[in-house]
N, C-alpha and C. Protein backbone atom coordinates (compact mmCIF):
# COMPACT_ATOMS: atom_id res chain seq x y z
N MET A 1 -17.57 19.32 2.96
CA MET A 1 -16.18 18.92 2.84
C MET A 1 -16.05 17.54 2.19
N GLY A 2 -16.87 16.59 2.66
CA GLY A 2 -16.80 15.24 2.12
C GLY A 2 -17.20 15.17 0.66
N SER A 3 -18.24 15.92 0.29
CA SER A 3 -18.69 15.90 -1.10
C SER A 3 -17.67 16.56 -2.02
N GLN A 4 -16.98 17.58 -1.52
CA GLN A 4 -15.94 18.22 -2.32
C GLN A 4 -14.77 17.27 -2.55
N LEU A 5 -14.42 16.53 -1.51
CA LEU A 5 -13.32 15.57 -1.62
C LEU A 5 -13.70 14.44 -2.57
N THR A 6 -14.94 13.99 -2.48
CA THR A 6 -15.42 12.94 -3.39
C THR A 6 -15.38 13.43 -4.83
N ALA A 7 -15.84 14.64 -5.07
CA ALA A 7 -15.83 15.20 -6.42
C ALA A 7 -14.40 15.35 -6.95
N LEU A 8 -13.48 15.63 -6.07
CA LEU A 8 -12.09 15.80 -6.47
C LEU A 8 -11.42 14.47 -6.79
N LEU A 9 -11.70 13.44 -6.01
CA LEU A 9 -11.01 12.16 -6.16
C LEU A 9 -11.71 11.18 -7.10
N LYS A 10 -12.98 11.39 -7.41
CA LYS A 10 -13.73 10.46 -8.26
C LYS A 10 -13.10 10.26 -9.63
N PRO A 11 -12.67 11.29 -10.35
CA PRO A 11 -12.03 11.05 -11.66
C PRO A 11 -10.76 10.21 -11.55
N LEU A 12 -9.99 10.43 -10.52
CA LEU A 12 -8.77 9.65 -10.33
C LEU A 12 -9.11 8.19 -10.01
N ALA A 13 -10.10 7.97 -9.17
CA ALA A 13 -10.53 6.61 -8.83
C ALA A 13 -11.06 5.89 -10.07
N ASP A 14 -11.82 6.58 -10.90
CA ASP A 14 -12.33 5.98 -12.14
C ASP A 14 -11.19 5.62 -13.09
N TRP A 15 -10.17 6.45 -13.15
CA TRP A 15 -9.02 6.17 -14.02
C TRP A 15 -8.31 4.90 -13.57
N PHE A 16 -8.09 4.76 -12.26
CA PHE A 16 -7.45 3.56 -11.74
C PHE A 16 -8.34 2.33 -11.90
N ALA A 17 -9.65 2.51 -11.80
CA ALA A 17 -10.59 1.38 -11.93
C ALA A 17 -10.57 0.78 -13.33
N GLN A 18 -10.22 1.56 -14.34
CA GLN A 18 -10.22 1.05 -15.71
C GLN A 18 -9.11 0.03 -15.95
N PHE A 19 -8.12 -0.07 -15.05
CA PHE A 19 -7.04 -1.03 -15.23
C PHE A 19 -7.50 -2.46 -15.02
N GLY A 20 -8.60 -2.64 -14.30
CA GLY A 20 -9.16 -3.98 -14.11
C GLY A 20 -8.32 -4.87 -13.21
N MET A 21 -7.73 -4.31 -12.18
CA MET A 21 -6.94 -5.11 -11.24
C MET A 21 -7.86 -6.06 -10.47
N PRO A 22 -7.41 -7.30 -10.22
CA PRO A 22 -8.23 -8.22 -9.43
C PRO A 22 -8.44 -7.69 -8.00
N GLU A 23 -9.60 -7.96 -7.44
CA GLU A 23 -9.96 -7.45 -6.12
C GLU A 23 -8.98 -7.85 -5.02
N PRO A 24 -8.48 -9.11 -4.97
CA PRO A 24 -7.52 -9.44 -3.90
C PRO A 24 -6.24 -8.59 -3.96
N ILE A 25 -5.80 -8.25 -5.15
CA ILE A 25 -4.60 -7.42 -5.26
C ILE A 25 -4.90 -6.00 -4.80
N VAL A 26 -6.06 -5.49 -5.17
CA VAL A 26 -6.44 -4.14 -4.74
C VAL A 26 -6.58 -4.09 -3.22
N HIS A 27 -7.19 -5.13 -2.66
CA HIS A 27 -7.48 -5.13 -1.22
C HIS A 27 -6.24 -5.43 -0.38
N TRP A 28 -5.42 -6.40 -0.80
CA TRP A 28 -4.31 -6.86 0.04
C TRP A 28 -2.94 -6.45 -0.47
N GLY A 29 -2.84 -5.83 -1.62
CA GLY A 29 -1.54 -5.50 -2.20
C GLY A 29 -0.68 -4.62 -1.32
N HIS A 30 -1.21 -3.51 -0.86
CA HIS A 30 -0.42 -2.59 -0.04
C HIS A 30 -0.06 -3.19 1.31
N PRO A 31 -0.99 -3.82 2.04
CA PRO A 31 -0.60 -4.42 3.32
C PRO A 31 0.48 -5.49 3.18
N VAL A 32 0.40 -6.30 2.13
CA VAL A 32 1.42 -7.35 1.94
C VAL A 32 2.77 -6.71 1.65
N MET A 33 2.81 -5.72 0.78
CA MET A 33 4.08 -5.07 0.46
C MET A 33 4.67 -4.37 1.69
N MET A 34 3.84 -3.73 2.49
CA MET A 34 4.35 -3.07 3.69
C MET A 34 4.82 -4.10 4.71
N GLY A 35 4.17 -5.25 4.77
CA GLY A 35 4.63 -6.33 5.65
C GLY A 35 6.01 -6.81 5.26
N ILE A 36 6.26 -6.91 3.96
CA ILE A 36 7.58 -7.30 3.48
C ILE A 36 8.61 -6.26 3.89
N VAL A 37 8.28 -4.99 3.73
CA VAL A 37 9.21 -3.91 4.10
C VAL A 37 9.52 -3.96 5.59
N VAL A 38 8.49 -4.11 6.42
CA VAL A 38 8.70 -4.17 7.87
C VAL A 38 9.56 -5.38 8.24
N PHE A 39 9.30 -6.52 7.63
CA PHE A 39 10.08 -7.73 7.91
C PHE A 39 11.55 -7.54 7.53
N VAL A 40 11.80 -7.02 6.35
CA VAL A 40 13.19 -6.85 5.89
C VAL A 40 13.91 -5.80 6.72
N MET A 41 13.26 -4.67 6.97
CA MET A 41 13.92 -3.63 7.78
C MET A 41 14.14 -4.11 9.21
N GLY A 42 13.16 -4.81 9.77
CA GLY A 42 13.31 -5.34 11.13
C GLY A 42 14.40 -6.38 11.21
N SER A 43 14.47 -7.26 10.22
CA SER A 43 15.52 -8.28 10.20
C SER A 43 16.90 -7.64 10.07
N THR A 44 17.01 -6.65 9.22
CA THR A 44 18.29 -5.96 9.04
C THR A 44 18.69 -5.24 10.31
N ALA A 45 17.76 -4.56 10.95
CA ALA A 45 18.07 -3.85 12.19
C ALA A 45 18.46 -4.82 13.29
N ALA A 46 17.77 -5.96 13.38
CA ALA A 46 18.11 -6.95 14.40
C ALA A 46 19.49 -7.54 14.14
N TYR A 47 19.80 -7.82 12.89
CA TYR A 47 21.11 -8.38 12.55
C TYR A 47 22.22 -7.38 12.85
N MET A 48 22.01 -6.13 12.46
CA MET A 48 23.03 -5.11 12.71
C MET A 48 23.20 -4.86 14.21
N GLY A 49 22.11 -4.87 14.95
CA GLY A 49 22.19 -4.70 16.39
C GLY A 49 22.89 -5.86 17.06
N TRP A 50 22.68 -7.06 16.54
CA TRP A 50 23.31 -8.25 17.10
C TRP A 50 24.82 -8.24 16.81
N LYS A 51 25.21 -7.72 15.65
CA LYS A 51 26.63 -7.66 15.29
C LYS A 51 27.40 -6.71 16.20
N ILE A 52 26.76 -5.68 16.69
CA ILE A 52 27.45 -4.69 17.51
C ILE A 52 27.66 -5.26 18.83
């Protein structure tokens, strides 16, 4: 199962690797963006709840 998944995803991973993104962006990009989303949604929900 694992080798089949690797064979399936390897071409896609190689395609993305050719973009040459810096390692910190690859490693921390998604967590930082999701943190922003959680902060904004949480702030909005808290503000709307406080207004009611």
